[in-house]
């Protein structure tokens, strides 16, 4: 939520946490739309780079079923949860830029090869 607060000055902490952790896709679209408005061009920012680092470190590096542990002892390193939060943050930061989806898709494809 710190990334969203740093990038989207119109968003408060409670709204940022709701956007990342709960609610439906419709709720997320509403929150992202209110916060961002429309942008015509995607450019990678330090916030995007941090999201990519989180994806690479905690999601794409998962190589065994044990890493998908969802018990409280997993200390929040569940790749599914981390991926969901990262993709929701990406969407909030870039919902107005269609190029961002293609860019992220390309980055993910390259990372999975």
Foldseek 3Di string as FASTA:
>chain_A
DVLCVVQQVVDDPVLLCCLQPHDDVVSLVVSLCVRPPADEDDDDDVSNVVLVVLCVPQALPDDDPVSCDDDVVNVPSRNVSSVSNSVSVLCSNDVRYPVSVVVVVVVVVVSND
